Amino acid sequence: MTSEKKQEYTRRIIEANPTGIIALTYEIAKGYYEDAKIAFKAGDRDTYRLEISRGNKCIEQLIMALDPKYAVSIYLLRIYNYILECARRASFKYDTSELDEPMEILARIGGTFEEIAPRDKRPAGVQGGEEVYDGLTYNSKGRTNTTVRR
């Protein structure tokens, strides 16, 4: 994941409500698995396994975020465990086809969370977050033009 992408995710997480953060976690996990596939094509086994591990950490965060008072949590737990199993198999066997179904699942469920996030009226997950400077540039006179987002 590029540093620009990390900065974008940081900004989006600061602005997101709790449901939006869950949706972003799905997106980030899928991105790590995509990066693993890119590393596989480049023949870089270490990066391949590292990116799968990073994706797995996102799934582990989703597991930790489950609220057992909701019946759907047990089903999501089963799905998350299945994704982890496939990803571990992909890492062990060095086989990217094992990541295809988990990535599809992440896209589908993550899309659902994205869809319902605007209906979640809870405030942003990161209260009192620092200002994020978006678009820091220099003009011909050496001055900076910035856009500040909270």
C-alpha atoms as a PDB file:
ATOM      1  CA  MET A   1       0.000   0.000   0.000  1.00  0.00           C
ATOM      2  CA  THR A   2       1.418   3.361  -1.000  1.00  0.00           C
ATOM      3  CA  SER A   3       1.934   6.147   1.519  1.00  0.00           C
ATOM      4  CA  GLU A   4      -0.646   8.255  -0.361  1.00  0.00           C
ATOM      5  CA  LYS A   5      -3.210   5.482   0.057  1.00  0.00           C
ATOM      6  CA  LYS A   6      -2.383   5.214   3.763  1.00  0.00           C
ATOM      7  CA  GLN A   7      -2.880   8.968   4.163  1.00  0.00           C
ATOM      8  CA  GLU A   8      -6.201   8.756   2.348  1.00  0.00           C
ATOM      9  CA  TYR A   9      -7.380   5.918   4.597  1.00  0.00           C
ATOM     10  CA  THR A  10      -6.240   7.851   7.676  1.00  0.00           C
ATOM     11  CA  ARG A  11      -8.287  10.872   6.618  1.00  0.00           C
ATOM     12  CA  ARG A  12     -11.331   8.727   5.834  1.00  0.00           C
ATOM     13  CA  ILE A  13     -11.099   6.872   9.163  1.00  0.00           C
ATOM     14  CA  ILE A  14     -10.944  10.152  11.098  1.00  0.00           C
ATOM     15  CA  GLU A  15     -14.086  11.355   9.318  1.00  0.00           C
ATOM     16  CA  ALA A  16     -16.006   8.044   9.469  1.00  0.00           C
ATOM     17  CA  ASN A  17     -18.653   6.930  11.924  1.00  0.00           C
ATOM     18  CA  PRO A  18     -18.265   3.452  13.503  1.00  0.00           C
ATOM     19  CA  THR A  19     -20.076   1.686  10.650  1.00  0.00           C
ATOM     20  CA  GLY A  20     -17.957   3.569   8.135  1.00  0.00           C
ATOM     21  CA  ILE A  21     -14.804   2.405   9.904  1.00  0.00           C
ATOM     22  CA  ILE A  22     -15.972  -1.201   9.557  1.00  0.00           C
ATOM     23  CA  ALA A  23     -16.577  -0.616   5.829  1.00  0.00           C
ATOM     24  CA  LEU A  24     -13.088   0.874   5.487  1.00  0.00           C
ATOM     25  CA  THR A  25     -11.570  -2.108   7.295  1.00  0.00           C
ATOM     26  CA  TYR A  26     -13.114  -4.399   4.678  1.00  0.00           C
ATOM     27  CA  GLU A  27     -11.693  -2.196   1.922  1.00  0.00           C
ATOM     28  CA  ILE A  28      -8.227  -2.118   3.475  1.00  0.00           C
ATOM     29  CA  ALA A  29      -8.154  -5.905   3.971  1.00  0.00           C
ATOM     30  CA  LYS A  30      -9.158  -6.448   0.354  1.00  0.00           C
ATOM     31  CA  GLY A  31      -6.438  -3.997  -0.700  1.00  0.00           C
ATOM     32  CA  TYR A  32      -3.792  -5.942   1.190  1.00  0.00           C
ATOM     33  CA  TYR A  33      -4.896  -9.181  -0.469  1.00  0.00           C
ATOM     34  CA  GLU A  34      -4.745  -7.430  -3.855  1.00  0.00           C
ATOM     35  CA  ASP A  35      -1.216  -6.254  -3.015  1.00  0.00           C
ATOM     36  CA  ALA A  36      -0.337  -9.870  -2.184  1.00  0.00           C
ATOM     37  CA  LYS A  37      -1.465 -10.919  -5.662  1.00  0.00           C
ATOM     38  CA  ILE A  38       0.711  -8.192  -7.193  1.00  0.00           C
ATOM     39  CA  ALA A  39       3.703  -9.397  -5.160  1.00  0.00           C
ATOM     40  CA  PHE A  40       2.987 -12.953  -6.316  1.00  0.00           C
ATOM     41  CA  LYS A  41       3.095 -11.860  -9.965  1.00  0.00           C
ATOM     42  CA  ALA A  42       6.397 -10.106  -9.268  1.00  0.00           C
ATOM     43  CA  GLY A  43       7.775 -13.292  -7.691  1.00  0.00           C
ATOM     44  CA  ASP A  44       8.286 -11.646  -4.297  1.00  0.00           C
ATOM     45  CA  ARG A  45       7.365 -14.354  -1.781  1.00  0.00           C
ATOM     46  CA  ASP A  46       8.240 -12.304   1.308  1.00  0.00           C
ATOM     47  CA  THR A  47       6.035  -9.373   0.322  1.00  0.00           C
ATOM     48  CA  TYR A  48       3.301 -11.807  -0.734  1.00  0.00           C
ATOM     49  CA  ARG A  49       3.201 -13.330   2.731  1.00  0.00           C
ATOM     50  CA  LEU A  50       3.565  -9.951   4.454  1.00  0.00           C
ATOM     51  CA  GLU A  51       0.563  -8.505   2.598  1.00  0.00           C
ATOM     52  CA  ILE A  52      -1.554 -11.566   3.420  1.00  0.00           C
ATOM     53  CA  SER A  53      -0.554 -11.162   7.062  1.00  0.00           C
ATOM     54  CA  ARG A  54      -1.597  -7.500   6.979  1.00  0.00           C
ATOM     55  CA  GLY A  55      -4.947  -8.440   5.445  1.00  0.00           C
ATOM     56  CA  ASN A  56      -5.409 -11.073   8.142  1.00  0.00           C
ATOM     57  CA  LYS A  57      -4.809  -8.460  10.839  1.00  0.00           C
ATOM     58  CA  CYS A  58      -7.684  -6.438   9.392  1.00  0.00           C
ATOM     59  CA  ILE A  59      -9.934  -9.492   9.568  1.00  0.00           C
ATOM     60  CA  GLU A  60      -8.838 -10.038  13.169  1.00  0.00           C
ATOM     61  CA  GLN A  61      -9.859  -6.439  13.915  1.00  0.00           C
ATOM     62  CA  LEU A  62     -13.277  -7.145  12.399  1.00  0.00           C
ATOM     63  CA  ILE A  63     -13.583 -10.148  14.713  1.00  0.00           C
ATOM     64  CA  MET A  64     -12.716  -7.982  17.709  1.00  0.00           C
ATOM     65  CA  ALA A  65     -15.363  -5.440  16.655  1.00  0.00           C
ATOM     66  CA  LEU A  66     -18.185  -7.999  16.679  1.00  0.00           C
ATOM     67  CA  ASP A  67     -20.923  -7.316  19.195  1.00  0.00           C
ATOM     68  CA  PRO A  68     -22.291 -10.614  20.541  1.00  0.00           C
ATOM     69  CA  LYS A  69     -25.648  -9.067  21.436  1.00  0.00           C
ATOM     70  CA  TYR A  70     -26.524  -9.114  17.719  1.00  0.00           C
ATOM     71  CA  ALA A  71     -27.465 -12.500  16.240  1.00  0.00           C
ATOM     72  CA  VAL A  72     -25.677 -11.725  12.967  1.00  0.00           C
ATOM     73  CA  SER A  73     -22.333 -11.647  14.812  1.00  0.00           C
ATOM     74  CA  ILE A  74     -22.053 -15.450  14.930  1.00  0.00           C
ATOM     75  CA  TYR A  75     -22.513 -15.626  11.154  1.00  0.00           C
ATOM     76  CA  LEU A  76     -19.974 -12.875  10.554  1.00  0.00           C
ATOM     77  CA  LEU A  77     -17.530 -14.687  12.850  1.00  0.00           C
ATOM     78  CA  ARG A  78     -17.881 -17.826  10.743  1.00  0.00           C
ATOM     79  CA  ILE A  79     -17.290 -15.821   7.565  1.00  0.00           C
ATOM     80  CA  TYR A  80     -14.236 -14.099   9.058  1.00  0.00           C
ATOM     81  CA  ASN A  81     -12.777 -17.423  10.174  1.00  0.00           C
ATOM     82  CA  TYR A  82     -13.338 -18.818   6.684  1.00  0.00           C
ATOM     83  CA  ILE A  83     -11.533 -15.822   5.152  1.00  0.00           C
ATOM     84  CA  LEU A  84      -8.608 -16.310   7.556  1.00  0.00           C
ATOM     85  CA  GLU A  85      -8.471 -20.015   6.721  1.00  0.00           C
ATOM     86  CA  CYS A  86      -8.357 -19.295   2.970  1.00  0.00           C
ATOM     87  CA  ALA A  87      -5.735 -16.582   3.400  1.00  0.00           C
ATOM     88  CA  ARG A  88      -3.521 -18.812   5.529  1.00  0.00           C
ATOM     89  CA  ARG A  89      -3.849 -21.562   2.951  1.00  0.00           C
ATOM     90  CA  ALA A  90      -2.903 -19.060   0.214  1.00  0.00           C
ATOM     91  CA  SER A  91       0.186 -18.070   2.163  1.00  0.00           C
ATOM     92  CA  PHE A  92       1.207 -21.636   2.969  1.00  0.00           C
ATOM     93  CA  LYS A  93       0.574 -23.050  -0.514  1.00  0.00           C
ATOM     94  CA  TYR A  94       1.771 -19.878  -2.313  1.00  0.00           C
ATOM     95  CA  ASP A  95      -1.458 -19.960  -4.345  1.00  0.00           C
ATOM     96  CA  THR A  96      -3.317 -16.725  -5.125  1.00  0.00           C
ATOM     97  CA  SER A  97      -6.462 -18.542  -6.233  1.00  0.00           C
ATOM     98  CA  GLU A  98      -7.144 -19.160  -2.546  1.00  0.00           C
ATOM     99  CA  LEU A  99      -7.641 -15.381  -2.174  1.00  0.00           C
ATOM    100  CA  ASP A 100     -10.282 -15.025  -4.896  1.00  0.00           C
ATOM    101  CA  GLU A 101     -13.325 -16.010  -2.860  1.00  0.00           C
ATOM    102  CA  PRO A 102     -12.291 -14.102   0.296  1.00  0.00           C
ATOM    103  CA  MET A 103     -11.777 -10.956  -1.791  1.00  0.00           C
ATOM    104  CA  GLU A 104     -15.222 -11.386  -3.333  1.00  0.00           C
ATOM    105  CA  ILE A 105     -16.765 -11.863   0.117  1.00  0.00           C
ATOM    106  CA  LEU A 106     -14.984  -8.759   1.425  1.00  0.00           C
ATOM    107  CA  ALA A 107     -16.239  -6.692  -1.502  1.00  0.00           C
ATOM    108  CA  ARG A 108     -19.833  -7.842  -1.043  1.00  0.00           C
ATOM    109  CA  ILE A 109     -20.087  -7.477   2.718  1.00  0.00           C
ATOM    110  CA  GLY A 110     -17.960  -4.333   2.753  1.00  0.00           C
ATOM    111  CA  GLY A 111     -20.253  -2.827   0.139  1.00  0.00           C
ATOM    112  CA  THR A 112     -23.204  -3.512   2.402  1.00  0.00           C
ATOM    113  CA  PHE A 113     -21.532  -1.718   5.314  1.00  0.00           C
ATOM    114  CA  GLU A 114     -20.700   1.197   2.988  1.00  0.00           C
ATOM    115  CA  GLU A 115     -24.339   1.359   1.985  1.00  0.00           C
ATOM    116  CA  ILE A 116     -25.641   1.497   5.562  1.00  0.00           C
ATOM    117  CA  ALA A 117     -22.877   3.754   6.988  1.00  0.00           C
ATOM    118  CA  PRO A 118     -24.673   7.018   6.043  1.00  0.00           C
ATOM    119  CA  ARG A 119     -27.697   5.875   8.101  1.00  0.00           C
ATOM    120  CA  ASP A 120     -25.531   5.490  11.203  1.00  0.00           C
ATOM    121  CA  LYS A 121     -26.038   8.775  13.046  1.00  0.00           C
ATOM    122  CA  ARG A 122     -23.290   8.179  15.602  1.00  0.00           C
ATOM    123  CA  PRO A 123     -20.454  10.713  15.467  1.00  0.00           C
ATOM    124  CA  ALA A 124     -17.080  10.090  13.861  1.00  0.00           C
ATOM    125  CA  GLY A 125     -15.130   7.274  15.482  1.00  0.00           C
ATOM    126  CA  VAL A 126     -12.088   9.423  16.192  1.00  0.00           C
ATOM    127  CA  GLN A 127     -13.170  12.230  18.511  1.00  0.00           C
ATOM    128  CA  GLY A 128     -10.794  15.156  18.914  1.00  0.00           C
ATOM    129  CA  GLY A 129      -8.634  13.915  16.049  1.00  0.00           C
ATOM    130  CA  GLU A 130      -5.869  16.070  14.707  1.00  0.00           C
ATOM    131  CA  GLU A 131      -6.389  18.243  11.689  1.00  0.00           C
ATOM    132  CA  VAL A 132      -5.413  16.515   8.472  1.00  0.00           C
ATOM    133  CA  TYR A 133      -3.709  18.662   5.878  1.00  0.00           C
ATOM    134  CA  ASP A 134      -4.977  17.686   2.492  1.00  0.00           C
ATOM    135  CA  GLY A 135      -3.403  19.214  -0.612  1.00  0.00           C
ATOM    136  CA  LEU A 136      -0.265  20.865   0.730  1.00  0.00           C
ATOM    137  CA  THR A 137       1.339  22.554  -2.286  1.00  0.00           C
ATOM    138  CA  TYR A 138       3.817  25.311  -3.052  1.00  0.00           C
ATOM    139  CA  ASN A 139       3.112  28.064  -5.560  1.00  0.00           C
ATOM    140  CA  SER A 140       5.661  30.005  -7.618  1.00  0.00           C
ATOM    141  CA  LYS A 141       6.256  32.486  -4.773  1.00  0.00           C
ATOM    142  CA  GLY A 142       7.144  29.749  -2.289  1.00  0.00           C
ATOM    143  CA  ARG A 143       3.893  30.035  -0.354  1.00  0.00           C
ATOM    144  CA  THR A 144       1.827  27.055   0.583  1.00  0.00           C
ATOM    145  CA  ASN A 145      -1.755  26.391  -0.339  1.00  0.00           C
ATOM    146  CA  THR A 146      -3.452  23.989   2.014  1.00  0.00           C
ATOM    147  CA  THR A 147      -6.852  22.546   2.573  1.00  0.00           C
ATOM    148  CA  VAL A 148      -7.556  21.586   6.164  1.00  0.00           C
ATOM    149  CA  ARG A 149     -10.092  18.900   6.970  1.00  0.00           C
ATOM    150  CA  ARG A 150     -11.218  17.765  10.362  1.00  0.00           C
END
